[in-house]
Amino acid sequence: MHNFRVIKYGATLHIDCHLTLPWYYDTRQSHSEVKAFENLVKAHCKSPVELFIHVDPCEPVSCRLCLKKDCPQRQHPHEQRITWTYTNIMRDLNHSIIC
């Protein structure tokens, strides 16, 4: 996730973010991942939440940071886990550039 923005209008939180998913996911798979992410966020928020999520495809350089163990397209072994901070989650850069 990157380019994360939260705006509060009244009691409702509006979240806008980009979510990096495997480039080979079809529309149904991407939609399913987005819904799962939305449900996870909503389960942890006390306020009503509306999400706007833009999906970005992963790139080969992303493999070094990707936790997806069963990726059939992996080009590099996993090397590093991102520690999310307020600063790096807000940046308008995909996760392969954050670290």
PDB file of N, CA and C in Angstrom:
ATOM      1  N   MET A   1       0.842  -1.163   0.000  1.00  0.00           N
ATOM      2  CA  MET A   1       0.000   0.000   0.000  1.00  0.00           C
ATOM      3  C   MET A   1       0.891   1.230   0.000  1.00  0.00           C
ATOM      4  N   HIS A   2       0.447   2.259  -0.682  1.00  0.00           N
ATOM      5  CA  HIS A   2       1.162   3.523  -0.689  1.00  0.00           C
ATOM      6  C   HIS A   2       0.187   4.630  -1.081  1.00  0.00           C
ATOM      7  N   ASN A   3       0.673   5.840  -1.033  1.00  0.00           N
ATOM      8  CA  ASN A   3      -0.145   7.026  -1.333  1.00  0.00           C
ATOM      9  C   ASN A   3      -1.442   7.005  -0.521  1.00  0.00           C
ATOM     10  N   PHE A   4      -1.309   6.728   0.763  1.00  0.00           N
ATOM     11  CA  PHE A   4      -2.428   6.560   1.698  1.00  0.00           C
ATOM     12  C   PHE A   4      -2.893   7.922   2.208  1.00  0.00           C
ATOM     13  N   ARG A   5      -4.166   8.219   2.045  1.00  0.00           N
ATOM     14  CA  ARG A   5      -4.733   9.494   2.493  1.00  0.00           C
ATOM     15  C   ARG A   5      -6.033   9.225   3.254  1.00  0.00           C
ATOM     16  N   VAL A   6      -6.220   9.932   4.341  1.00  0.00           N
ATOM     17  CA  VAL A   6      -7.453   9.823   5.115  1.00  0.00           C
ATOM     18  C   VAL A   6      -8.021  11.220   5.311  1.00  0.00           C
ATOM     19  N   ILE A   7      -9.296  11.368   5.001  1.00  0.00           N
ATOM     20  CA  ILE A   7     -10.004  12.631   5.208  1.00  0.00           C
ATOM     21  C   ILE A   7     -11.253  12.296   6.001  1.00  0.00           C
ATOM     22  N   LYS A   8     -11.542  13.113   6.999  1.00  0.00           N
ATOM     23  CA  LYS A   8     -12.739  12.887   7.806  1.00  0.00           C
ATOM     24  C   LYS A   8     -13.778  13.952   7.480  1.00  0.00           C
ATOM     25  N   TYR A   9     -14.952  13.489   7.047  1.00  0.00           N
ATOM     26  CA  TYR A   9     -16.103  14.350   6.798  1.00  0.00           C
ATOM     27  C   TYR A   9     -17.179  13.934   7.778  1.00  0.00           C
ATOM     28  N   GLY A  10     -17.444  14.764   8.751  1.00  0.00           N
ATOM     29  CA  GLY A  10     -18.407  14.393   9.783  1.00  0.00           C
ATOM     30  C   GLY A  10     -17.904  13.175  10.524  1.00  0.00           C
ATOM     31  N   ALA A  11     -18.721  12.131  10.606  1.00  0.00           N
ATOM     32  CA  ALA A  11     -18.330  10.916  11.311  1.00  0.00           C
ATOM     33  C   ALA A  11     -17.656   9.894  10.387  1.00  0.00           C
ATOM     34  N   THR A  12     -17.642  10.162   9.083  1.00  0.00           N
ATOM     35  CA  THR A  12     -17.145   9.181   8.116  1.00  0.00           C
ATOM     36  C   THR A  12     -15.697   9.451   7.719  1.00  0.00           C
ATOM     37  N   LEU A  13     -14.901   8.379   7.698  1.00  0.00           N
ATOM     38  CA  LEU A  13     -13.530   8.450   7.203  1.00  0.00           C
ATOM     39  C   LEU A  13     -13.531   8.089   5.722  1.00  0.00           C
ATOM     40  N   HIS A  14     -12.865   8.883   4.914  1.00  0.00           N
ATOM     41  CA  HIS A  14     -12.691   8.599   3.491  1.00  0.00           C
ATOM     42  C   HIS A  14     -11.216   8.273   3.288  1.00  0.00           C
ATOM     43  N   ILE A  15     -10.947   7.055   2.860  1.00  0.00           N
ATOM     44  CA  ILE A  15      -9.570   6.605   2.678  1.00  0.00           C
ATOM     45  C   ILE A  15      -9.314   6.401   1.195  1.00  0.00           C
ATOM     46  N   ASP A  16      -8.234   7.001   0.731  1.00  0.00           N
ATOM     47  CA  ASP A  16      -7.788   6.868  -0.654  1.00  0.00           C
ATOM     48  C   ASP A  16      -6.385   6.292  -0.595  1.00  0.00           C
ATOM     49  N   CYS A  17      -6.133   5.219  -1.344  1.00  0.00           N
ATOM     50  CA  CYS A  17      -4.792   4.632  -1.333  1.00  0.00           C
ATOM     51  C   CYS A  17      -4.556   3.826  -2.603  1.00  0.00           C
ATOM     52  N   HIS A  18      -3.308   3.461  -2.796  1.00  0.00           N
ATOM     53  CA  HIS A  18      -2.917   2.575  -3.883  1.00  0.00           C
ATOM     54  C   HIS A  18      -2.515   1.245  -3.265  1.00  0.00           C
ATOM     55  N   LEU A  19      -2.893   0.163  -3.901  1.00  0.00           N
ATOM     56  CA  LEU A  19      -2.596  -1.174  -3.415  1.00  0.00           C
ATOM     57  C   LEU A  19      -1.864  -1.932  -4.519  1.00  0.00           C
ATOM     58  N   THR A  20      -0.667  -2.414  -4.219  1.00  0.00           N
ATOM     59  CA  THR A  20       0.109  -3.160  -5.202  1.00  0.00           C
ATOM     60  C   THR A  20      -0.268  -4.634  -5.118  1.00  0.00           C
ATOM     61  N   LEU A  21      -0.679  -5.190  -6.264  1.00  0.00           N
ATOM     62  CA  LEU A  21      -1.077  -6.594  -6.355  1.00  0.00           C
ATOM     63  C   LEU A  21      -0.277  -7.263  -7.470  1.00  0.00           C
ATOM     64  N   PRO A  22      -0.221  -8.590  -7.476  1.00  0.00           N
ATOM     65  CA  PRO A  22       0.503  -9.276  -8.545  1.00  0.00           C
ATOM     66  C   PRO A  22      -0.011  -8.841  -9.924  1.00  0.00           C
ATOM     67  N   TRP A  23       0.902  -8.595 -10.820  1.00  0.00           N
ATOM     68  CA  TRP A  23       0.552  -8.103 -12.156  1.00  0.00           C
ATOM     69  C   TRP A  23      -0.301  -9.091 -12.938  1.00  0.00           C
ATOM     70  N   TYR A  24      -0.223 -10.349 -12.604  1.00  0.00           N
ATOM     71  CA  TYR A  24      -0.935 -11.380 -13.371  1.00  0.00           C
ATOM     72  C   TYR A  24      -2.344 -11.646 -12.840  1.00  0.00           C
ATOM     73  N   TYR A  25      -2.766 -10.955 -11.775  1.00  0.00           N
ATOM     74  CA  TYR A  25      -4.139 -11.137 -11.286  1.00  0.00           C
ATOM     75  C   TYR A  25      -5.122 -10.607 -12.317  1.00  0.00           C
ATOM     76  N   ASP A  26      -6.195 -11.363 -12.523  1.00  0.00           N
ATOM     77  CA  ASP A  26      -7.242 -10.857 -13.388  1.00  0.00           C
ATOM     78  C   ASP A  26      -8.151  -9.923 -12.582  1.00  0.00           C
ATOM     79  N   THR A  27      -9.140  -9.366 -13.243  1.00  0.00           N
ATOM     80  CA  THR A  27     -10.020  -8.391 -12.590  1.00  0.00           C
ATOM     81  C   THR A  27     -10.724  -8.975 -11.371  1.00  0.00           C
ATOM     82  N   ARG A  28     -11.177 -10.219 -11.473  1.00  0.00           N
ATOM     83  CA  ARG A  28     -11.870 -10.848 -10.336  1.00  0.00           C
ATOM     84  C   ARG A  28     -10.944 -11.025  -9.140  1.00  0.00           C
ATOM     85  N   GLN A  29      -9.732 -11.483  -9.390  1.00  0.00           N
ATOM     86  CA  GLN A  29      -8.787 -11.677  -8.286  1.00  0.00           C
ATOM     87  C   GLN A  29      -8.433 -10.344  -7.635  1.00  0.00           C
ATOM     88  N   SER A  30      -8.186  -9.335  -8.447  1.00  0.00           N
ATOM     89  CA  SER A  30      -7.862  -8.012  -7.904  1.00  0.00           C
ATOM     90  C   SER A  30      -9.033  -7.475  -7.091  1.00  0.00           C
ATOM     91  N   HIS A  31     -10.236  -7.624  -7.626  1.00  0.00           N
ATOM     92  CA  HIS A  31     -11.423  -7.153  -6.906  1.00  0.00           C
ATOM     93  C   HIS A  31     -11.573  -7.873  -5.570  1.00  0.00           C
ATOM     94  N   SER A  32     -11.343  -9.160  -5.557  1.00  0.00           N
ATOM     95  CA  SER A  32     -11.431  -9.939  -4.329  1.00  0.00           C
ATOM     96  C   SER A  32     -10.412  -9.460  -3.287  1.00  0.00           C
ATOM     97  N   GLU A  33      -9.193  -9.175  -3.716  1.00  0.00           N
ATOM     98  CA  GLU A  33      -8.166  -8.668  -2.793  1.00  0.00           C
ATOM     99  C   GLU A  33      -8.539  -7.286  -2.262  1.00  0.00           C
ATOM    100  N   VAL A  34      -9.070  -6.445  -3.119  1.00  0.00           N
ATOM    101  CA  VAL A  34      -9.494  -5.105  -2.690  1.00  0.00           C
ATOM    102  C   VAL A  34     -10.619  -5.214  -1.664  1.00  0.00           C
ATOM    103  N   LYS A  35     -11.593  -6.084  -1.905  1.00  0.00           N
ATOM    104  CA  LYS A  35     -12.698  -6.266  -0.942  1.00  0.00           C
ATOM    105  C   LYS A  35     -12.186  -6.797   0.385  1.00  0.00           C
ATOM    106  N   ALA A  36     -11.251  -7.730   0.345  1.00  0.00           N
ATOM    107  CA  ALA A  36     -10.678  -8.261   1.589  1.00  0.00           C
ATOM    108  C   ALA A  36      -9.958  -7.157   2.353  1.00  0.00           C
ATOM    109  N   PHE A  37      -9.226  -6.315   1.640  1.00  0.00           N
ATOM    110  CA  PHE A  37      -8.542  -5.186   2.279  1.00  0.00           C
ATOM    111  C   PHE A  37      -9.556  -4.212   2.879  1.00  0.00           C
ATOM    112  N   GLU A  38     -10.595  -3.887   2.123  1.00  0.00           N
ATOM    113  CA  GLU A  38     -11.646  -2.994   2.629  1.00  0.00           C
ATOM    114  C   GLU A  38     -12.272  -3.560   3.900  1.00  0.00           C
ATOM    115  N   ASN A  39     -12.598  -4.837   3.893  1.00  0.00           N
ATOM    116  CA  ASN A  39     -13.208  -5.466   5.066  1.00  0.00           C
ATOM    117  C   ASN A  39     -12.275  -5.441   6.270  1.00  0.00           C
ATOM    118  N   LEU A  40     -10.995  -5.640   6.042  1.00  0.00           N
ATOM    119  CA  LEU A  40     -10.010  -5.578   7.122  1.00  0.00           C
ATOM    120  C   LEU A  40      -9.945  -4.180   7.721  1.00  0.00           C
ATOM    121  N   VAL A  41      -9.900  -3.176   6.880  1.00  0.00           N
ATOM    122  CA  VAL A  41      -9.863  -1.792   7.368  1.00  0.00           C
ATOM    123  C   VAL A  41     -11.135  -1.474   8.149  1.00  0.00           C
ATOM    124  N   LYS A  42     -12.288  -1.802   7.588  1.00  0.00           N
ATOM    125  CA  LYS A  42     -13.561  -1.500   8.237  1.00  0.00           C
ATOM    126  C   LYS A  42     -13.709  -2.226   9.570  1.00  0.00           C
ATOM    127  N   ALA A  43     -13.155  -3.420   9.687  1.00  0.00           N
ATOM    128  CA  ALA A  43     -13.238  -4.182  10.937  1.00  0.00           C
ATOM    129  C   ALA A  43     -12.427  -3.537  12.051  1.00  0.00           C
ATOM    130  N   HIS A  44     -11.443  -2.722  11.695  1.00  0.00           N
ATOM    131  CA  HIS A  44     -10.581  -2.100  12.699  1.00  0.00           C
ATOM    132  C   HIS A  44     -10.871  -0.620  12.922  1.00  0.00           C
ATOM    133  N   CYS A  45     -11.903  -0.098  12.279  1.00  0.00           N
ATOM    134  CA  CYS A  45     -12.261   1.311  12.450  1.00  0.00           C
ATOM    135  C   CYS A  45     -13.574   1.431  13.216  1.00  0.00           C
ATOM    136  N   LYS A  46     -13.599   2.357  14.130  1.00  0.00           N
ATOM    137  CA  LYS A  46     -14.827   2.588  14.907  1.00  0.00           C
ATOM    138  C   LYS A  46     -15.799   3.472  14.141  1.00  0.00           C
ATOM    139  N   SER A  47     -15.286   4.302  13.254  1.00  0.00           N
ATOM    140  CA  SER A  47     -16.121   5.204  12.457  1.00  0.00           C
ATOM    141  C   SER A  47     -16.521   4.531  11.151  1.00  0.00           C
ATOM    142  N   PRO A  48     -17.603   5.012  10.524  1.00  0.00           N
ATOM    143  CA  PRO A  48     -17.923   4.526   9.178  1.00  0.00           C
ATOM    144  C   PRO A  48     -16.766   4.875   8.233  1.00  0.00           C
ATOM    145  N   VAL A  49     -16.486   3.987   7.271  1.00  0.00           N
ATOM    146  CA  VAL A  49     -15.352   4.177   6.370  1.00  0.00           C
ATOM    147  C   VAL A  49     -15.794   3.983   4.926  1.00  0.00           C
ATOM    148  N   GLU A  50     -15.325   4.878   4.078  1.00  0.00           N
ATOM    149  CA  GLU A  50     -15.518   4.740   2.641  1.00  0.00           C
ATOM    150  C   GLU A  50     -14.125   4.696   2.024  1.00  0.00           C
ATOM    151  N   LEU A  51     -13.847   3.678   1.209  1.00  0.00           N
ATOM    152  CA  LEU A  51     -12.518   3.510   0.631  1.00  0.00           C
ATOM    153  C   LEU A  51     -12.534   3.686  -0.880  1.00  0.00           C
ATOM    154  N   PHE A  52     -11.496   4.334  -1.383  1.00  0.00           N
ATOM    155  CA  PHE A  52     -11.242   4.464  -2.806  1.00  0.00           C
ATOM    156  C   PHE A  52      -9.848   3.888  -3.032  1.00  0.00           C
ATOM    157  N   ILE A  53      -9.766   2.742  -3.703  1.00  0.00           N
ATOM    158  CA  ILE A  53      -8.504   2.034  -3.826  1.00  0.00           C
ATOM    159  C   ILE A  53      -8.117   1.905  -5.304  1.00  0.00           C
ATOM    160  N   HIS A  54      -6.928   2.361  -5.599  1.00  0.00           N
ATOM    161  CA  HIS A  54      -6.349   2.231  -6.934  1.00  0.00           C
ATOM    162  C   HIS A  54      -5.390   1.049  -6.895  1.00  0.00           C
ATOM    163  N   VAL A  55      -5.495   0.137  -7.859  1.00  0.00           N
ATOM    164  CA  VAL A  55      -4.638  -1.045  -7.889  1.00  0.00           C
ATOM    165  C   VAL A  55      -3.470  -0.801  -8.848  1.00  0.00           C
ATOM    166  N   ASP A  56      -2.260  -1.074  -8.346  1.00  0.00           N
ATOM    167  CA  ASP A  56      -1.046  -1.015  -9.157  1.00  0.00           C
ATOM    168  C   ASP A  56      -0.503  -2.424  -9.320  1.00  0.00           C
ATOM    169  N   PRO A  57       0.040  -2.751 -10.501  1.00  0.00           N
ATOM    170  CA  PRO A  57       0.662  -4.070 -10.672  1.00  0.00           C
ATOM    171  C   PRO A  57       2.066  -4.074 -10.073  1.00  0.00           C
ATOM    172  N   CYS A  58       2.465  -5.198  -9.539  1.00  0.00           N
ATOM    173  CA  CYS A  58       3.829  -5.313  -9.040  1.00  0.00           C
ATOM    174  C   CYS A  58       4.797  -5.323 -10.219  1.00  0.00           C
ATOM    175  N   GLU A  59       6.060  -5.095  -9.907  1.00  0.00           N
ATOM    176  CA  GLU A  59       7.123  -5.124 -10.904  1.00  0.00           C
ATOM    177  C   GLU A  59       8.184  -6.106 -10.410  1.00  0.00           C
ATOM    178  N   PRO A  60       9.061  -6.590 -11.289  1.00  0.00           N
ATOM    179  CA  PRO A  60      10.067  -7.567 -10.849  1.00  0.00           C
ATOM    180  C   PRO A  60      10.862  -7.131  -9.618  1.00  0.00           C
ATOM    181  N   VAL A  61      11.157  -5.846  -9.502  1.00  0.00           N
ATOM    182  CA  VAL A  61      11.914  -5.375  -8.342  1.00  0.00           C
ATOM    183  C   VAL A  61      11.120  -5.563  -7.046  1.00  0.00           C
ATOM    184  N   SER A  62       9.800  -5.672  -7.158  1.00  0.00           N
ATOM    185  CA  SER A  62       8.940  -5.868  -5.990  1.00  0.00           C
ATOM    186  C   SER A  62       9.158  -7.214  -5.321  1.00  0.00           C
ATOM    187  N   CYS A  63       9.667  -8.193  -6.055  1.00  0.00           N
ATOM    188  CA  CYS A  63       9.842  -9.550  -5.516  1.00  0.00           C
ATOM    189  C   CYS A  63      10.655  -9.550  -4.222  1.00  0.00           C
ATOM    190  N   ARG A  64      11.637  -8.706  -4.133  1.00  0.00           N
ATOM    191  CA  ARG A  64      12.519  -8.679  -2.961  1.00  0.00           C
ATOM    192  C   ARG A  64      11.773  -8.285  -1.679  1.00  0.00           C
ATOM    193  N   LEU A  65      10.617  -7.623  -1.846  1.00  0.00           N
ATOM    194  CA  LEU A  65       9.843  -7.156  -0.704  1.00  0.00           C
ATOM    195  C   LEU A  65       8.528  -7.912  -0.530  1.00  0.00           C
ATOM    196  N   CYS A  66       8.180  -8.711  -1.497  1.00  0.00           N
ATOM    197  CA  CYS A  66       6.873  -9.372  -1.527  1.00  0.00           C
ATOM    198  C   CYS A  66       6.828 -10.582  -0.586  1.00  0.00           C
ATOM    199  N   LEU A  67       5.745 -10.680   0.173  1.00  0.00           N
ATOM    200  CA  LEU A  67       5.559 -11.782   1.115  1.00  0.00           C
ATOM    201  C   LEU A  67       4.739 -12.930   0.528  1.00  0.00           C
ATOM    202  N   LYS A  68       4.299 -12.796  -0.713  1.00  0.00           N
ATOM    203  CA  LYS A  68       3.494 -13.857  -1.340  1.00  0.00           C
ATOM    204  C   LYS A  68       4.389 -15.067  -1.610  1.00  0.00           C
ATOM    205  N   LYS A  69       4.201 -16.118  -0.820  1.00  0.00           N
ATOM    206  CA  LYS A  69       5.078 -17.288  -0.872  1.00  0.00           C
ATOM    207  C   LYS A  69       4.871 -18.152  -2.117  1.00  0.00           C
ATOM    208  N   ASP A  70       3.644 -18.219  -2.610  1.00  0.00           N
ATOM    209  CA  ASP A  70       3.332 -19.117  -3.717  1.00  0.00           C
ATOM    210  C   ASP A  70       3.290 -18.413  -5.079  1.00  0.00           C
ATOM    211  N   CYS A  71       4.045 -17.354  -5.248  1.00  0.00           N
ATOM    212  CA  CYS A  71       4.020 -16.594  -6.491  1.00  0.00           C
ATOM    213  C   CYS A  71       4.699 -17.385  -7.614  1.00  0.00           C
ATOM    214  N   PRO A  72       3.961 -17.698  -8.670  1.00  0.00           N
ATOM    215  CA  PRO A  72       4.542 -18.457  -9.775  1.00  0.00           C
ATOM    216  C   PRO A  72       5.464 -17.603 -10.657  1.00  0.00           C
ATOM    217  N   GLN A  73       5.458 -16.301 -10.455  1.00  0.00           N
ATOM    218  CA  GLN A  73       6.251 -15.393 -11.288  1.00  0.00           C
ATOM    219  C   GLN A  73       7.439 -14.780 -10.542  1.00  0.00           C
ATOM    220  N   ARG A  74       7.711 -15.254  -9.336  1.00  0.00           N
ATOM    221  CA  ARG A  74       8.789 -14.668  -8.526  1.00  0.00           C
ATOM    222  C   ARG A  74      10.110 -14.710  -9.287  1.00  0.00           C
ATOM    223  N   GLN A  75      10.788 -13.557  -9.318  1.00  0.00           N
ATOM    224  CA  GLN A  75      12.066 -13.455 -10.023  1.00  0.00           C
ATOM    225  C   GLN A  75      13.246 -13.262  -9.083  1.00  0.00           C
ATOM    226  N   HIS A  76      12.965 -12.933  -7.823  1.00  0.00           N
ATOM    227  CA  HIS A  76      14.014 -12.740  -6.824  1.00  0.00           C
ATOM    228  C   HIS A  76      13.507 -13.289  -5.499  1.00  0.00           C
ATOM    229  N   PRO A  77      14.376 -13.820  -4.659  1.00  0.00           N
ATOM    230  CA  PRO A  77      13.936 -14.272  -3.337  1.00  0.00           C
ATOM    231  C   PRO A  77      13.545 -13.075  -2.452  1.00  0.00           C
ATOM    232  N   HIS A  78      12.672 -13.352  -1.502  1.00  0.00           N
ATOM    233  CA  HIS A  78      12.290 -12.318  -0.542  1.00  0.00           C
ATOM    234  C   HIS A  78      13.516 -11.928   0.270  1.00  0.00           C
ATOM    235  N   GLU A  79      13.772 -10.627   0.407  1.00  0.00           N
ATOM    236  CA  GLU A  79      14.947 -10.143   1.131  1.00  0.00           C
ATOM    237  C   GLU A  79      14.617  -9.251   2.315  1.00  0.00           C
ATOM    238  N   GLN A  80      13.521  -8.530   2.228  1.00  0.00           N
ATOM    239  CA  GLN A  80      13.257  -7.512   3.244  1.00  0.00           C
ATOM    240  C   GLN A  80      11.763  -7.323   3.439  1.00  0.00           C
ATOM    241  N   ARG A  81      11.368  -7.154   4.682  1.00  0.00           N
ATOM    242  CA  ARG A  81       9.976  -6.824   5.008  1.00  0.00           C
ATOM    243  C   ARG A  81       9.905  -5.327   5.281  1.00  0.00           C
ATOM    244  N   ILE A  82       8.921  -4.683   4.720  1.00  0.00           N
ATOM    245  CA  ILE A  82       8.766  -3.247   4.934  1.00  0.00           C
ATOM    246  C   ILE A  82       8.191  -3.007   6.325  1.00  0.00           C
ATOM    247  N   THR A  83       8.809  -2.122   7.044  1.00  0.00           N
ATOM    248  CA  THR A  83       8.237  -1.641   8.297  1.00  0.00           C
ATOM    249  C   THR A  83       7.476  -0.376   7.947  1.00  0.00           C
ATOM    250  N   TRP A  84       6.153  -0.470   8.026  1.00  0.00           N
ATOM    251  CA  TRP A  84       5.338   0.675   7.636  1.00  0.00           C
ATOM    252  C   TRP A  84       5.400   1.754   8.704  1.00  0.00           C
ATOM    253  N   THR A  85       5.574   2.953   8.251  1.00  0.00           N
ATOM    254  CA  THR A  85       5.592   4.127   9.131  1.00  0.00           C
ATOM    255  C   THR A  85       4.636   5.165   8.567  1.00  0.00           C
ATOM    256  N   TYR A  86       4.324   6.128   9.375  1.00  0.00           N
ATOM    257  CA  TYR A  86       3.470   7.222   8.931  1.00  0.00           C
ATOM    258  C   TYR A  86       4.073   7.893   7.701  1.00  0.00           C
ATOM    259  N   THR A  87       5.375   8.014   7.680  1.00  0.00           N
ATOM    260  CA  THR A  87       6.055   8.700   6.585  1.00  0.00           C
ATOM    261  C   THR A  87       6.022   7.908   5.288  1.00  0.00           C
ATOM    262  N   ASN A  88       6.406   6.618   5.310  1.00  0.00           N
ATOM    263  CA  ASN A  88       6.504   5.907   4.035  1.00  0.00           C
ATOM    264  C   ASN A  88       5.156   5.465   3.468  1.00  0.00           C
ATOM    265  N   ILE A  89       4.155   5.300   4.285  1.00  0.00           N
ATOM    266  CA  ILE A  89       2.847   4.894   3.752  1.00  0.00           C
ATOM    267  C   ILE A  89       2.142   6.060   3.055  1.00  0.00           C
ATOM    268  N   MET A  90       2.526   7.276   3.416  1.00  0.00           N
ATOM    269  CA  MET A  90       1.901   8.455   2.835  1.00  0.00           C
ATOM    270  C   MET A  90       2.525   8.861   1.502  1.00  0.00           C
ATOM    271  N   ARG A  91       3.725   8.391   1.220  1.00  0.00           N
ATOM    272  CA  ARG A  91       4.429   8.801   0.013  1.00  0.00           C
ATOM    273  C   ARG A  91       3.763   8.252  -1.240  1.00  0.00           C
ATOM    274  N   ASP A  92       3.856   8.990  -2.313  1.00  0.00           N
ATOM    275  CA  ASP A  92       3.273   8.581  -3.589  1.00  0.00           C
ATOM    276  C   ASP A  92       4.303   7.783  -4.383  1.00  0.00           C
ATOM    277  N   LEU A  93       4.778   6.696  -3.779  1.00  0.00           N
ATOM    278  CA  LEU A  93       5.740   5.804  -4.416  1.00  0.00           C
ATOM    279  C   LEU A  93       5.285   4.378  -4.169  1.00  0.00           C
ATOM    280  N   ASN A  94       5.496   3.513  -5.148  1.00  0.00           N
ATOM    281  CA  ASN A  94       5.107   2.129  -4.893  1.00  0.00           C
ATOM    282  C   ASN A  94       6.101   1.487  -3.941  1.00  0.00           C
ATOM    283  N   HIS A  95       5.739   0.347  -3.383  1.00  0.00           N
ATOM    284  CA  HIS A  95       6.532  -0.253  -2.308  1.00  0.00           C
ATOM    285  C   HIS A  95       7.923  -0.676  -2.745  1.00  0.00           C
ATOM    286  N   SER A  96       8.148  -0.884  -4.018  1.00  0.00           N
ATOM    287  CA  SER A  96       9.475  -1.286  -4.462  1.00  0.00           C
ATOM    288  C   SER A  96      10.478  -0.144  -4.373  1.00  0.00           C
ATOM    289  N   ILE A  97       9.986   1.079  -4.291  1.00  0.00           N
ATOM    290  CA  ILE A  97      10.860   2.253  -4.223  1.00  0.00           C
ATOM    291  C   ILE A  97      10.985   2.775  -2.796  1.00  0.00           C
ATOM    292  N   ILE A  98      10.072   2.399  -1.915  1.00  0.00           N
ATOM    293  CA  ILE A  98      10.030   2.930  -0.557  1.00  0.00           C
ATOM    294  C   ILE A  98      11.299   2.618   0.228  1.00  0.00           C
ATOM    295  N   CYS A  99      11.805   1.410   0.097  1.00  0.00           N
ATOM    296  CA  CYS A  99      12.947   1.004   0.901  1.00  0.00           C
ATOM    297  C   CYS A  99      14.264   1.408   0.271  1.00  0.00           C
TER     298      CYS A  99
END
